[in-house]
Amino acid sequence: MEIRGIRKECLDTLRAVGKSQYPREFVAVLRERDGIIEEFDLAPGTVVTEQSAGFSPEMMPLDVHAVGSAHSHPSGALRPSDADLRFFGRMGKYHLIFGPPYGEGDWRAFRRDGTPVSLEVIE
């Protein structure tokens, strides 16, 4: 499924989660409805540190609406690391990275290969 955008409420909540977890990372699974990212699930069994966040995708229930992931980089680097790219390949097509200070412009979207992608923020 091609994703056209993300609901502003979902984006705002993801930014708030990143801010509340700082200086630790967070990781979530993104869910879509009709081509719009509208929800996310915090992954069960997630292990977080100041340098990484990880979980086993096998712990997630099967879900045809899961389209990717969201996580934070407390360092502020809004680009995927090599570890992110390995993870992206296992977790859907679209991935968001958030960083401090977790404001409106402190996030980026990527395809699974690390190519930046633009997502419309939908009210």
PDB file of N, CA and C in Angstrom:
ATOM      1  N   MET A   1       0.842  -1.183   0.000  1.00  0.00           N
ATOM      2  CA  MET A   1       0.000   0.000   0.000  1.00  0.00           C
ATOM      3  C   MET A   1       0.886   1.245   0.000  1.00  0.00           C
ATOM      4  N   GLU A   2       0.543   2.182  -0.818  1.00  0.00           N
ATOM      5  CA  GLU A   2       1.245   3.470  -0.864  1.00  0.00           C
ATOM      6  C   GLU A   2       0.664   4.367   0.229  1.00  0.00           C
ATOM      7  N   ILE A   3       1.525   4.945   1.019  1.00  0.00           N
ATOM      8  CA  ILE A   3       1.096   5.834   2.102  1.00  0.00           C
ATOM      9  C   ILE A   3       1.131   7.272   1.601  1.00  0.00           C
ATOM     10  N   ARG A   4       0.027   7.977   1.783  1.00  0.00           N
ATOM     11  CA  ARG A   4      -0.091   9.366   1.323  1.00  0.00           C
ATOM     12  C   ARG A   4       0.270  10.370   2.406  1.00  0.00           C
ATOM     13  N   GLY A   5       0.077   9.987   3.675  1.00  0.00           N
ATOM     14  CA  GLY A   5       0.323  10.953   4.729  1.00  0.00           C
ATOM     15  C   GLY A   5       0.181  10.353   6.108  1.00  0.00           C
ATOM     16  N   ILE A   6       0.233  11.253   7.098  1.00  0.00           N
ATOM     17  CA  ILE A   6       0.111  10.868   8.500  1.00  0.00           C
ATOM     18  C   ILE A   6      -0.829  11.854   9.189  1.00  0.00           C
ATOM     19  N   ARG A   7      -1.698  11.344  10.022  1.00  0.00           N
ATOM     20  CA  ARG A   7      -2.605  12.212  10.791  1.00  0.00           C
ATOM     21  C   ARG A   7      -1.790  13.048  11.769  1.00  0.00           C
ATOM     22  N   LYS A   8      -2.145  14.315  11.850  1.00  0.00           N
ATOM     23  CA  LYS A   8      -1.439  15.237  12.740  1.00  0.00           C
ATOM     24  C   LYS A   8      -1.504  14.755  14.189  1.00  0.00           C
ATOM     25  N   GLU A   9      -2.630  14.260  14.622  1.00  0.00           N
ATOM     26  CA  GLU A   9      -2.765  13.783  16.002  1.00  0.00           C
ATOM     27  C   GLU A   9      -1.801  12.631  16.286  1.00  0.00           C
ATOM     28  N   CYS A  10      -1.657  11.716  15.339  1.00  0.00           N
ATOM     29  CA  CYS A  10      -0.725  10.596  15.500  1.00  0.00           C
ATOM     30  C   CYS A  10       0.709  11.115  15.549  1.00  0.00           C
ATOM     31  N   LEU A  11       1.046  12.015  14.644  1.00  0.00           N
ATOM     32  CA  LEU A  11       2.384  12.603  14.615  1.00  0.00           C
ATOM     33  C   LEU A  11       2.693  13.339  15.915  1.00  0.00           C
ATOM     34  N   ASP A  12       1.743  14.133  16.395  1.00  0.00           N
ATOM     35  CA  ASP A  12       1.946  14.869  17.650  1.00  0.00           C
ATOM     36  C   ASP A  12       2.161  13.915  18.825  1.00  0.00           C
ATOM     37  N   THR A  13       1.413  12.814  18.849  1.00  0.00           N
ATOM     38  CA  THR A  13       1.565  11.845  19.941  1.00  0.00           C
ATOM     39  C   THR A  13       2.929  11.160  19.863  1.00  0.00           C
ATOM     40  N   LEU A  14       3.376  10.813  18.667  1.00  0.00           N
ATOM     41  CA  LEU A  14       4.706  10.208  18.515  1.00  0.00           C
ATOM     42  C   LEU A  14       5.797  11.170  18.980  1.00  0.00           C
ATOM     43  N   ARG A  15       5.666  12.445  18.640  1.00  0.00           N
ATOM     44  CA  ARG A  15       6.641  13.444  19.105  1.00  0.00           C
ATOM     45  C   ARG A  15       6.627  13.525  20.628  1.00  0.00           C
ATOM     46  N   ALA A  16       5.446  13.481  21.235  1.00  0.00           N
ATOM     47  CA  ALA A  16       5.329  13.546  22.696  1.00  0.00           C
ATOM     48  C   ALA A  16       5.948  12.312  23.348  1.00  0.00           C
ATOM     49  N   VAL A  17       5.775  11.146  22.738  1.00  0.00           N
ATOM     50  CA  VAL A  17       6.393   9.933  23.273  1.00  0.00           C
ATOM     51  C   VAL A  17       7.909  10.074  23.233  1.00  0.00           C
ATOM     52  N   GLY A  18       8.443  10.550  22.110  1.00  0.00           N
ATOM     53  CA  GLY A  18       9.888  10.757  22.011  1.00  0.00           C
ATOM     54  C   GLY A  18      10.398  11.690  23.088  1.00  0.00           C
ATOM     55  N   LYS A  19       9.689  12.784  23.288  1.00  0.00           N
ATOM     56  CA  LYS A  19      10.098  13.768  24.301  1.00  0.00           C
ATOM     57  C   LYS A  19      10.023  13.169  25.708  1.00  0.00           C
ATOM     58  N   SER A  20       8.974  12.388  25.975  1.00  0.00           N
ATOM     59  CA  SER A  20       8.815  11.818  27.319  1.00  0.00           C
ATOM     60  C   SER A  20       9.855  10.739  27.609  1.00  0.00           C
ATOM     61  N   GLN A  21      10.368  10.084  26.580  1.00  0.00           N
ATOM     62  CA  GLN A  21      11.349   9.019  26.771  1.00  0.00           C
ATOM     63  C   GLN A  21      12.791   9.531  26.762  1.00  0.00           C
ATOM     64  N   TYR A  22      12.998  10.764  26.319  1.00  0.00           N
ATOM     65  CA  TYR A  22      14.343  11.328  26.237  1.00  0.00           C
ATOM     66  C   TYR A  22      15.017  11.270  27.601  1.00  0.00           C
ATOM     67  N   PRO A  23      16.260  10.826  27.720  1.00  0.00           N
ATOM     68  CA  PRO A  23      17.263  10.587  26.682  1.00  0.00           C
ATOM     69  C   PRO A  23      17.290   9.151  26.152  1.00  0.00           C
ATOM     70  N   ARG A  24      16.272   8.372  26.430  1.00  0.00           N
ATOM     71  CA  ARG A  24      16.206   7.015  25.880  1.00  0.00           C
ATOM     72  C   ARG A  24      15.462   7.042  24.556  1.00  0.00           C
ATOM     73  N   GLU A  25      15.717   6.050  23.732  1.00  0.00           N
ATOM     74  CA  GLU A  25      14.978   5.894  22.482  1.00  0.00           C
ATOM     75  C   GLU A  25      13.615   5.270  22.764  1.00  0.00           C
ATOM     76  N   PHE A  26      12.726   5.384  21.779  1.00  0.00           N
ATOM     77  CA  PHE A  26      11.490   4.610  21.791  1.00  0.00           C
ATOM     78  C   PHE A  26      11.335   3.988  20.408  1.00  0.00           C
ATOM     79  N   VAL A  27      10.521   2.971  20.319  1.00  0.00           N
ATOM     80  CA  VAL A  27      10.219   2.349  19.027  1.00  0.00           C
ATOM     81  C   VAL A  27       8.747   1.954  19.017  1.00  0.00           C
ATOM     82  N   ALA A  28       8.107   2.165  17.870  1.00  0.00           N
ATOM     83  CA  ALA A  28       6.694   1.847  17.716  1.00  0.00           C
ATOM     84  C   ALA A  28       6.458   1.297  16.308  1.00  0.00           C
ATOM     85  N   VAL A  29       5.354   0.583  16.165  1.00  0.00           N
ATOM     86  CA  VAL A  29       4.933   0.058  14.865  1.00  0.00           C
ATOM     87  C   VAL A  29       3.799   0.948  14.346  1.00  0.00           C
ATOM     88  N   LEU A  30       3.958   1.436  13.120  1.00  0.00           N
ATOM     89  CA  LEU A  30       2.966   2.320  12.507  1.00  0.00           C
ATOM     90  C   LEU A  30       1.856   1.513  11.843  1.00  0.00           C
ATOM     91  N   ARG A  31       0.630   2.018  11.960  1.00  0.00           N
ATOM     92  CA  ARG A  31      -0.522   1.366  11.337  1.00  0.00           C
ATOM     93  C   ARG A  31      -1.258   2.382  10.472  1.00  0.00           C
ATOM     94  N   GLU A  32      -1.756   1.903   9.324  1.00  0.00           N
ATOM     95  CA  GLU A  32      -2.445   2.787   8.396  1.00  0.00           C
ATOM     96  C   GLU A  32      -3.907   2.390   8.222  1.00  0.00           C
ATOM     97  N   ARG A  33      -4.656   3.347   7.715  1.00  0.00           N
ATOM     98  CA  ARG A  33      -6.024   3.111   7.295  1.00  0.00           C
ATOM     99  C   ARG A  33      -6.246   3.942   6.034  1.00  0.00           C
ATOM    100  N   ASP A  34      -6.586   3.287   4.945  1.00  0.00           N
ATOM    101  CA  ASP A  34      -6.833   3.944   3.665  1.00  0.00           C
ATOM    102  C   ASP A  34      -5.661   4.810   3.206  1.00  0.00           C
ATOM    103  N   GLY A  35      -4.433   4.318   3.425  1.00  0.00           N
ATOM    104  CA  GLY A  35      -3.242   5.016   2.944  1.00  0.00           C
ATOM    105  C   GLY A  35      -2.762   6.153   3.818  1.00  0.00           C
ATOM    106  N   ILE A  36      -3.344   6.276   5.017  1.00  0.00           N
ATOM    107  CA  ILE A  36      -2.953   7.332   5.962  1.00  0.00           C
ATOM    108  C   ILE A  36      -2.478   6.655   7.243  1.00  0.00           C
ATOM    109  N   ILE A  37      -1.289   7.029   7.724  1.00  0.00           N
ATOM    110  CA  ILE A  37      -0.814   6.531   9.018  1.00  0.00           C
ATOM    111  C   ILE A  37      -1.654   7.200  10.098  1.00  0.00           C
ATOM    112  N   GLU A  38      -2.387   6.382  10.847  1.00  0.00           N
ATOM    113  CA  GLU A  38      -3.324   6.932  11.824  1.00  0.00           C
ATOM    114  C   GLU A  38      -3.055   6.478  13.248  1.00  0.00           C
ATOM    115  N   GLU A  39      -2.346   5.367  13.410  1.00  0.00           N
ATOM    116  CA  GLU A  39      -2.157   4.796  14.741  1.00  0.00           C
ATOM    117  C   GLU A  39      -0.763   4.212  14.851  1.00  0.00           C
ATOM    118  N   PHE A  40      -0.396   3.896  16.076  1.00  0.00           N
ATOM    119  CA  PHE A  40       0.844   3.162  16.303  1.00  0.00           C
ATOM    120  C   PHE A  40       0.677   2.301  17.540  1.00  0.00           C
ATOM    121  N   ASP A  41       1.494   1.265  17.591  1.00  0.00           N
ATOM    122  CA  ASP A  41       1.544   0.391  18.757  1.00  0.00           C
ATOM    123  C   ASP A  41       2.956   0.408  19.292  1.00  0.00           C
ATOM    124  N   LEU A  42       3.093   0.608  20.592  1.00  0.00           N
ATOM    125  CA  LEU A  42       4.400   0.442  21.211  1.00  0.00           C
ATOM    126  C   LEU A  42       4.674  -1.051  21.251  1.00  0.00           C
ATOM    127  N   ALA A  43       5.842  -1.424  20.837  1.00  0.00           N
ATOM    128  CA  ALA A  43       6.165  -2.845  20.684  1.00  0.00           C
ATOM    129  C   ALA A  43       6.370  -3.512  22.035  1.00  0.00           C
ATOM    130  N   PRO A  44       5.741  -4.685  22.238  1.00  0.00           N
ATOM    131  CA  PRO A  44       5.958  -5.413  23.489  1.00  0.00           C
ATOM    132  C   PRO A  44       7.379  -5.962  23.560  1.00  0.00           C
ATOM    133  N   GLY A  45       7.927  -5.980  24.748  1.00  0.00           N
ATOM    134  CA  GLY A  45       9.266  -6.537  24.928  1.00  0.00           C
ATOM    135  C   GLY A  45      10.378  -5.637  24.423  1.00  0.00           C
ATOM    136  N   THR A  46      10.100  -4.359  24.254  1.00  0.00           N
ATOM    137  CA  THR A  46      11.113  -3.427  23.752  1.00  0.00           C
ATOM    138  C   THR A  46      12.186  -3.202  24.810  1.00  0.00           C
ATOM    139  N   VAL A  47      13.424  -3.231  24.370  1.00  0.00           N
ATOM    140  CA  VAL A  47      14.568  -2.931  25.229  1.00  0.00           C
ATOM    141  C   VAL A  47      15.123  -1.595  24.746  1.00  0.00           C
ATOM    142  N   VAL A  48      15.178  -0.597  25.656  1.00  0.00           N
ATOM    143  CA  VAL A  48      15.632   0.735  25.260  1.00  0.00           C
ATOM    144  C   VAL A  48      16.828   1.181  26.085  1.00  0.00           C
ATOM    145  N   THR A  49      17.709   1.937  25.440  1.00  0.00           N
ATOM    146  CA  THR A  49      18.841   2.578  26.089  1.00  0.00           C
ATOM    147  C   THR A  49      18.968   3.968  25.494  1.00  0.00           C
ATOM    148  N   GLU A  50      20.011   4.664  25.867  1.00  0.00           N
ATOM    149  CA  GLU A  50      20.265   5.972  25.274  1.00  0.00           C
ATOM    150  C   GLU A  50      20.821   5.841  23.856  1.00  0.00           C
ATOM    151  N   GLN A  51      21.301   4.670  23.493  1.00  0.00           N
ATOM    152  CA  GLN A  51      21.880   4.467  22.168  1.00  0.00           C
ATOM    153  C   GLN A  51      20.997   3.645  21.234  1.00  0.00           C
ATOM    154  N   SER A  52      20.038   2.894  21.762  1.00  0.00           N
ATOM    155  CA  SER A  52      19.263   2.030  20.876  1.00  0.00           C
ATOM    156  C   SER A  52      17.926   1.655  21.492  1.00  0.00           C
ATOM    157  N   ALA A  53      17.057   1.168  20.624  1.00  0.00           N
ATOM    158  CA  ALA A  53      15.783   0.577  21.036  1.00  0.00           C
ATOM    159  C   ALA A  53      15.554  -0.603  20.115  1.00  0.00           C
ATOM    160  N   GLY A  54      15.162  -1.699  20.687  1.00  0.00           N
ATOM    161  CA  GLY A  54      14.949  -2.868  19.850  1.00  0.00           C
ATOM    162  C   GLY A  54      13.891  -3.782  20.409  1.00  0.00           C
ATOM    163  N   PHE A  55      13.306  -4.539  19.516  1.00  0.00           N
ATOM    164  CA  PHE A  55      12.337  -5.553  19.889  1.00  0.00           C
ATOM    165  C   PHE A  55      12.335  -6.598  18.795  1.00  0.00           C
ATOM    166  N   SER A  56      11.700  -7.683  19.068  1.00  0.00           N
ATOM    167  CA  SER A  56      11.600  -8.755  18.092  1.00  0.00           C
ATOM    168  C   SER A  56      10.289  -8.604  17.328  1.00  0.00           C
ATOM    169  N   PRO A  57      10.344  -8.329  16.015  1.00  0.00           N
ATOM    170  CA  PRO A  57       9.104  -8.179  15.248  1.00  0.00           C
ATOM    171  C   PRO A  57       8.191  -9.399  15.346  1.00  0.00           C
ATOM    172  N   GLU A  58       8.760 -10.553  15.653  1.00  0.00           N
ATOM    173  CA  GLU A  58       7.953 -11.755  15.795  1.00  0.00           C
ATOM    174  C   GLU A  58       7.007 -11.670  16.992  1.00  0.00           C
ATOM    175  N   MET A  59       7.268 -10.737  17.911  1.00  0.00           N
ATOM    176  CA  MET A  59       6.412 -10.552  19.086  1.00  0.00           C
ATOM    177  C   MET A  59       5.115  -9.820  18.727  1.00  0.00           C
ATOM    178  N   MET A  60       5.088  -9.169  17.562  1.00  0.00           N
ATOM    179  CA  MET A  60       3.913  -8.398  17.160  1.00  0.00           C
ATOM    180  C   MET A  60       2.879  -9.320  16.519  1.00  0.00           C
ATOM    181  N   PRO A  61       1.595  -9.056  16.777  1.00  0.00           N
ATOM    182  CA  PRO A  61       0.568  -9.838  16.089  1.00  0.00           C
ATOM    183  C   PRO A  61       0.577  -9.523  14.593  1.00  0.00           C
ATOM    184  N   LEU A  62       0.149 -10.478  13.790  1.00  0.00           N
ATOM    185  CA  LEU A  62       0.031 -10.222  12.355  1.00  0.00           C
ATOM    186  C   LEU A  62      -0.985  -9.117  12.140  1.00  0.00           C
ATOM    187  N   ASP A  63      -0.674  -8.192  11.255  1.00  0.00           N
ATOM    188  CA  ASP A  63      -1.539  -7.043  11.043  1.00  0.00           C
ATOM    189  C   ASP A  63      -1.326  -6.521   9.634  1.00  0.00           C
ATOM    190  N   VAL A  64      -2.326  -6.642   8.792  1.00  0.00           N
ATOM    191  CA  VAL A  64      -2.191  -6.169   7.410  1.00  0.00           C
ATOM    192  C   VAL A  64      -2.106  -4.649   7.325  1.00  0.00           C
ATOM    193  N   HIS A  65      -2.396  -3.952   8.407  1.00  0.00           N
ATOM    194  CA  HIS A  65      -2.341  -2.493   8.404  1.00  0.00           C
ATOM    195  C   HIS A  65      -1.026  -1.941   8.954  1.00  0.00           C
ATOM    196  N   ALA A  66      -0.118  -2.815   9.395  1.00  0.00           N
ATOM    197  CA  ALA A  66       1.200  -2.364   9.857  1.00  0.00           C
ATOM    198  C   ALA A  66       2.033  -1.998   8.631  1.00  0.00           C
ATOM    199  N   VAL A  67       2.570  -0.768   8.623  1.00  0.00           N
ATOM    200  CA  VAL A  67       3.283  -0.284   7.430  1.00  0.00           C
ATOM    201  C   VAL A  67       4.723   0.125   7.698  1.00  0.00           C
ATOM    202  N   GLY A  68       5.173   0.060   8.947  1.00  0.00           N
ATOM    203  CA  GLY A  68       6.541   0.461   9.231  1.00  0.00           C
ATOM    204  C   GLY A  68       6.741   0.759  10.693  1.00  0.00           C
ATOM    205  N   SER A  69       7.704   1.644  10.955  1.00  0.00           N
ATOM    206  CA  SER A  69       8.082   1.908  12.340  1.00  0.00           C
ATOM    207  C   SER A  69       8.318   3.393  12.580  1.00  0.00           C
ATOM    208  N   ALA A  70       8.352   3.727  13.846  1.00  0.00           N
ATOM    209  CA  ALA A  70       8.748   5.058  14.297  1.00  0.00           C
ATOM    210  C   ALA A  70       9.692   4.858  15.462  1.00  0.00           C
ATOM    211  N   HIS A  71      10.745   5.647  15.508  1.00  0.00           N
ATOM    212  CA  HIS A  71      11.637   5.604  16.668  1.00  0.00           C
ATOM    213  C   HIS A  71      12.343   6.936  16.802  1.00  0.00           C
ATOM    214  N   SER A  72      13.008   7.101  17.936  1.00  0.00           N
ATOM    215  CA  SER A  72      13.693   8.362  18.188  1.00  0.00           C
ATOM    216  C   SER A  72      15.198   8.166  18.151  1.00  0.00           C
ATOM    217  N   HIS A  73      15.868   9.258  17.845  1.00  0.00           N
ATOM    218  CA  HIS A  73      17.328   9.355  17.945  1.00  0.00           C
ATOM    219  C   HIS A  73      17.616  10.496  18.920  1.00  0.00           C
ATOM    220  N   PRO A  74      17.810  10.189  20.204  1.00  0.00           N
ATOM    221  CA  PRO A  74      18.075  11.250  21.180  1.00  0.00           C
ATOM    222  C   PRO A  74      19.289  12.103  20.831  1.00  0.00           C
ATOM    223  N   SER A  75      20.175  11.586  19.985  1.00  0.00           N
ATOM    224  CA  SER A  75      21.340  12.365  19.553  1.00  0.00           C
ATOM    225  C   SER A  75      20.944  13.521  18.649  1.00  0.00           C
ATOM    226  N   GLY A  76      19.751  13.446  18.078  1.00  0.00           N
ATOM    227  CA  GLY A  76      19.289  14.479  17.154  1.00  0.00           C
ATOM    228  C   GLY A  76      19.576  14.173  15.700  1.00  0.00           C
ATOM    229  N   ALA A  77      20.276  13.096  15.395  1.00  0.00           N
ATOM    230  CA  ALA A  77      20.586  12.715  14.012  1.00  0.00           C
ATOM    231  C   ALA A  77      19.315  12.194  13.348  1.00  0.00           C
ATOM    232  N   LEU A  78      18.767  12.968  12.438  1.00  0.00           N
ATOM    233  CA  LEU A  78      17.513  12.589  11.796  1.00  0.00           C
ATOM    234  C   LEU A  78      17.775  11.863  10.474  1.00  0.00           C
ATOM    235  N   ARG A  79      18.592  10.834  10.556  1.00  0.00           N
ATOM    236  CA  ARG A  79      18.882   9.987   9.393  1.00  0.00           C
ATOM    237  C   ARG A  79      19.080   8.568   9.915  1.00  0.00           C
ATOM    238  N   PRO A  80      18.774   7.578   9.080  1.00  0.00           N
ATOM    239  CA  PRO A  80      18.896   6.194   9.545  1.00  0.00           C
ATOM    240  C   PRO A  80      20.341   5.747   9.686  1.00  0.00           C
ATOM    241  N   SER A  81      20.610   5.016  10.749  1.00  0.00           N
ATOM    242  CA  SER A  81      21.915   4.389  10.958  1.00  0.00           C
ATOM    243  C   SER A  81      21.949   3.073  10.177  1.00  0.00           C
ATOM    244  N   ASP A  82      23.098   2.435  10.133  1.00  0.00           N
ATOM    245  CA  ASP A  82      23.194   1.121   9.498  1.00  0.00           C
ATOM    246  C   ASP A  82      22.276   0.119  10.198  1.00  0.00           C
ATOM    247  N   ALA A  83      22.211   0.181  11.524  1.00  0.00           N
ATOM    248  CA  ALA A  83      21.323  -0.715  12.274  1.00  0.00           C
ATOM    249  C   ALA A  83      19.860  -0.435  11.925  1.00  0.00           C
ATOM    250  N   ASP A  84      19.510   0.843  11.757  1.00  0.00           N
ATOM    251  CA  ASP A  84      18.145   1.194  11.359  1.00  0.00           C
ATOM    252  C   ASP A  84      17.805   0.566  10.016  1.00  0.00           C
ATOM    253  N   LEU A  85      18.712   0.667   9.060  1.00  0.00           N
ATOM    254  CA  LEU A  85      18.444   0.135   7.724  1.00  0.00           C
ATOM    255  C   LEU A  85      18.232  -1.382   7.757  1.00  0.00           C
ATOM    256  N   ARG A  86      18.980  -2.080   8.593  1.00  0.00           N
ATOM    257  CA  ARG A  86      18.758  -3.525   8.742  1.00  0.00           C
ATOM    258  C   ARG A  86      17.370  -3.792   9.332  1.00  0.00           C
ATOM    259  N   PHE A  87      16.986  -2.984  10.314  1.00  0.00           N
ATOM    260  CA  PHE A  87      15.680  -3.120  10.958  1.00  0.00           C
ATOM    261  C   PHE A  87      14.560  -2.763   9.978  1.00  0.00           C
ATOM    262  N   PHE A  88      14.733  -1.671   9.227  1.00  0.00           N
ATOM    263  CA  PHE A  88      13.703  -1.223   8.287  1.00  0.00           C
ATOM    264  C   PHE A  88      13.319  -2.345   7.328  1.00  0.00           C
ATOM    265  N   GLY A  89      14.304  -3.103   6.868  1.00  0.00           N
ATOM    266  CA  GLY A  89      14.046  -4.169   5.917  1.00  0.00           C
ATOM    267  C   GLY A  89      13.121  -5.252   6.441  1.00  0.00           C
ATOM    268  N   ARG A  90      12.983  -5.321   7.752  1.00  0.00           N
ATOM    269  CA  ARG A  90      12.135  -6.341   8.383  1.00  0.00           C
ATOM    270  C   ARG A  90      10.782  -5.807   8.834  1.00  0.00           C
ATOM    271  N   MET A  91      10.575  -4.505   8.752  1.00  0.00           N
ATOM    272  CA  MET A  91       9.406  -3.898   9.404  1.00  0.00           C
ATOM    273  C   MET A  91       8.557  -3.005   8.508  1.00  0.00           C
ATOM    274  N   GLY A  92       8.325  -3.347   7.279  1.00  0.00           N
ATOM    275  CA  GLY A  92       7.421  -2.546   6.472  1.00  0.00           C
ATOM    276  C   GLY A  92       8.130  -1.564   5.575  1.00  0.00           C
ATOM    277  N   LYS A  93       7.357  -0.676   4.970  1.00  0.00           N
ATOM    278  CA  LYS A  93       7.872   0.212   3.919  1.00  0.00           C
ATOM    279  C   LYS A  93       8.198   1.634   4.371  1.00  0.00           C
ATOM    280  N   TYR A  94       7.622   2.102   5.469  1.00  0.00           N
ATOM    281  CA  TYR A  94       7.766   3.501   5.871  1.00  0.00           C
ATOM    282  C   TYR A  94       8.270   3.594   7.306  1.00  0.00           C
ATOM    283  N   HIS A  95       9.214   4.512   7.522  1.00  0.00           N
ATOM    284  CA  HIS A  95       9.842   4.611   8.830  1.00  0.00           C
ATOM    285  C   HIS A  95      10.058   6.079   9.189  1.00  0.00           C
ATOM    286  N   LEU A  96       9.730   6.414  10.426  1.00  0.00           N
ATOM    287  CA  LEU A  96       9.875   7.783  10.924  1.00  0.00           C
ATOM    288  C   LEU A  96      10.951   7.817  11.992  1.00  0.00           C
ATOM    289  N   ILE A  97      11.756   8.885  11.959  1.00  0.00           N
ATOM    290  CA  ILE A  97      12.762   9.113  12.993  1.00  0.00           C
ATOM    291  C   ILE A  97      12.494  10.482  13.603  1.00  0.00           C
ATOM    292  N   PHE A  98      12.459  10.535  14.936  1.00  0.00           N
ATOM    293  CA  PHE A  98      12.212  11.757  15.694  1.00  0.00           C
ATOM    294  C   PHE A  98      13.453  12.115  16.492  1.00  0.00           C
ATOM    295  N   GLY A  99      13.662  13.415  16.721  1.00  0.00           N
ATOM    296  CA  GLY A  99      14.800  13.851  17.517  1.00  0.00           C
ATOM    297  C   GLY A  99      14.467  15.092  18.325  1.00  0.00           C
ATOM    298  N   PRO A 100      15.329  15.403  19.308  1.00  0.00           N
ATOM    299  CA  PRO A 100      15.091  16.581  20.145  1.00  0.00           C
ATOM    300  C   PRO A 100      15.227  17.861  19.322  1.00  0.00           C
ATOM    301  N   PRO A 101      14.482  18.883  19.683  1.00  0.00           N
ATOM    302  CA  PRO A 101      13.627  18.986  20.879  1.00  0.00           C
ATOM    303  C   PRO A 101      12.204  18.470  20.658  1.00  0.00           C
ATOM    304  N   TYR A 102      11.996  17.667  19.624  1.00  0.00           N
ATOM    305  CA  TYR A 102      10.720  17.012  19.347  1.00  0.00           C
ATOM    306  C   TYR A 102       9.625  18.011  18.988  1.00  0.00           C
ATOM    307  N   GLY A 103      10.026  19.043  18.248  1.00  0.00           N
ATOM    308  CA  GLY A 103       9.076  20.026  17.743  1.00  0.00           C
ATOM    309  C   GLY A 103       8.485  19.592  16.416  1.00  0.00           C
ATOM    310  N   GLU A 104       7.717  20.477  15.799  1.00  0.00           N
ATOM    311  CA  GLU A 104       7.005  20.150  14.565  1.00  0.00           C
ATOM    312  C   GLU A 104       7.922  19.715  13.429  1.00  0.00           C
ATOM    313  N   GLY A 105       9.116  20.258  13.354  1.00  0.00           N
ATOM    314  CA  GLY A 105      10.019  19.918  12.263  1.00  0.00           C
ATOM    315  C   GLY A 105      11.089  18.911  12.615  1.00  0.00           C
ATOM    316  N   ASP A 106      10.998  18.316  13.799  1.00  0.00           N
ATOM    317  CA  ASP A 106      12.066  17.430  14.293  1.00  0.00           C
ATOM    318  C   ASP A 106      11.774  15.959  14.012  1.00  0.00           C
ATOM    319  N   TRP A 107      11.427  15.658  12.766  1.00  0.00           N
ATOM    320  CA  TRP A 107      11.182  14.283  12.348  1.00  0.00           C
ATOM    321  C   TRP A 107      11.426  14.187  10.848  1.00  0.00           C
ATOM    322  N   ARG A 108      11.710  12.953  10.412  1.00  0.00           N
ATOM    323  CA  ARG A 108      11.907  12.670   8.994  1.00  0.00           C
ATOM    324  C   ARG A 108      11.279  11.316   8.694  1.00  0.00           C
ATOM    325  N   ALA A 109      10.886  11.135   7.438  1.00  0.00           N
ATOM    326  CA  ALA A 109      10.311   9.872   6.976  1.00  0.00           C
ATOM    327  C   ALA A 109      11.219   9.262   5.914  1.00  0.00           C
ATOM    328  N   PHE A 110      11.289   7.938   5.926  1.00  0.00           N
ATOM    329  CA  PHE A 110      12.162   7.200   5.014  1.00  0.00           C
ATOM    330  C   PHE A 110      11.462   5.956   4.507  1.00  0.00           C
ATOM    331  N   ARG A 111      11.866   5.530   3.325  1.00  0.00           N
ATOM    332  CA  ARG A 111      11.468   4.215   2.818  1.00  0.00           C
ATOM    333  C   ARG A 111      12.406   3.186   3.440  1.00  0.00           C
ATOM    334  N   ARG A 112      12.105   1.919   3.245  1.00  0.00           N
ATOM    335  CA  ARG A 112      12.898   0.860   3.891  1.00  0.00           C
ATOM    336  C   ARG A 112      14.358   0.858   3.471  1.00  0.00           C
ATOM    337  N   ASP A 113      14.680   1.409   2.292  1.00  0.00           N
ATOM    338  CA  ASP A 113      16.079   1.449   1.855  1.00  0.00           C
ATOM    339  C   ASP A 113      16.811   2.693   2.351  1.00  0.00           C
ATOM    340  N   GLY A 114      16.130   3.543   3.144  1.00  0.00           N
ATOM    341  CA  GLY A 114      16.738   4.741   3.688  1.00  0.00           C
ATOM    342  C   GLY A 114      16.527   5.981   2.848  1.00  0.00           C
ATOM    343  N   THR A 115      15.818   5.858   1.735  1.00  0.00           N
ATOM    344  CA  THR A 115      15.524   7.008   0.884  1.00  0.00           C
ATOM    345  C   THR A 115      14.510   7.918   1.589  1.00  0.00           C
ATOM    346  N   PRO A 116      14.818   9.214   1.706  1.00  0.00           N
ATOM    347  CA  PRO A 116      13.840  10.118   2.318  1.00  0.00           C
ATOM    348  C   PRO A 116      12.541  10.154   1.509  1.00  0.00           C
ATOM    349  N   VAL A 117      11.448  10.292   2.195  1.00  0.00           N
ATOM    350  CA  VAL A 117      10.136  10.387   1.568  1.00  0.00           C
ATOM    351  C   VAL A 117       9.353  11.486   2.275  1.00  0.00           C
ATOM    352  N   SER A 118       8.544  12.192   1.521  1.00  0.00           N
ATOM    353  CA  SER A 118       7.734  13.261   2.086  1.00  0.00           C
ATOM    354  C   SER A 118       6.344  12.711   2.401  1.00  0.00           C
ATOM    355  N   LEU A 119       5.865  12.970   3.602  1.00  0.00           N
ATOM    356  CA  LEU A 119       4.516  12.576   3.994  1.00  0.00           C
ATOM    357  C   LEU A 119       3.715  13.824   4.333  1.00  0.00           C
ATOM    358  N   GLU A 120       2.551  13.926   3.768  1.00  0.00           N
ATOM    359  CA  GLU A 120       1.653  15.032   4.084  1.00  0.00           C
ATOM    360  C   GLU A 120       1.119  14.866   5.502  1.00  0.00           C
ATOM    361  N   VAL A 121       1.096  15.944   6.265  1.00  0.00           N
ATOM    362  CA  VAL A 121       0.488  15.931   7.598  1.00  0.00           C
ATOM    363  C   VAL A 121      -0.976  16.312   7.412  1.00  0.00           C
ATOM    364  N   ILE A 122      -1.861  15.416   7.797  1.00  0.00           N
ATOM    365  CA  ILE A 122      -3.279  15.569   7.535  1.00  0.00           C
ATOM    366  C   ILE A 122      -4.011  15.862   8.840  1.00  0.00           C
ATOM    367  N   GLU A 123      -4.778  16.940   8.831  1.00  0.00           N
ATOM    368  CA  GLU A 123      -5.551  17.348  10.029  1.00  0.00           C
ATOM    369  C   GLU A 123      -6.558  16.334  10.416  1.00  0.00           C
TER     370      GLU A 123
END
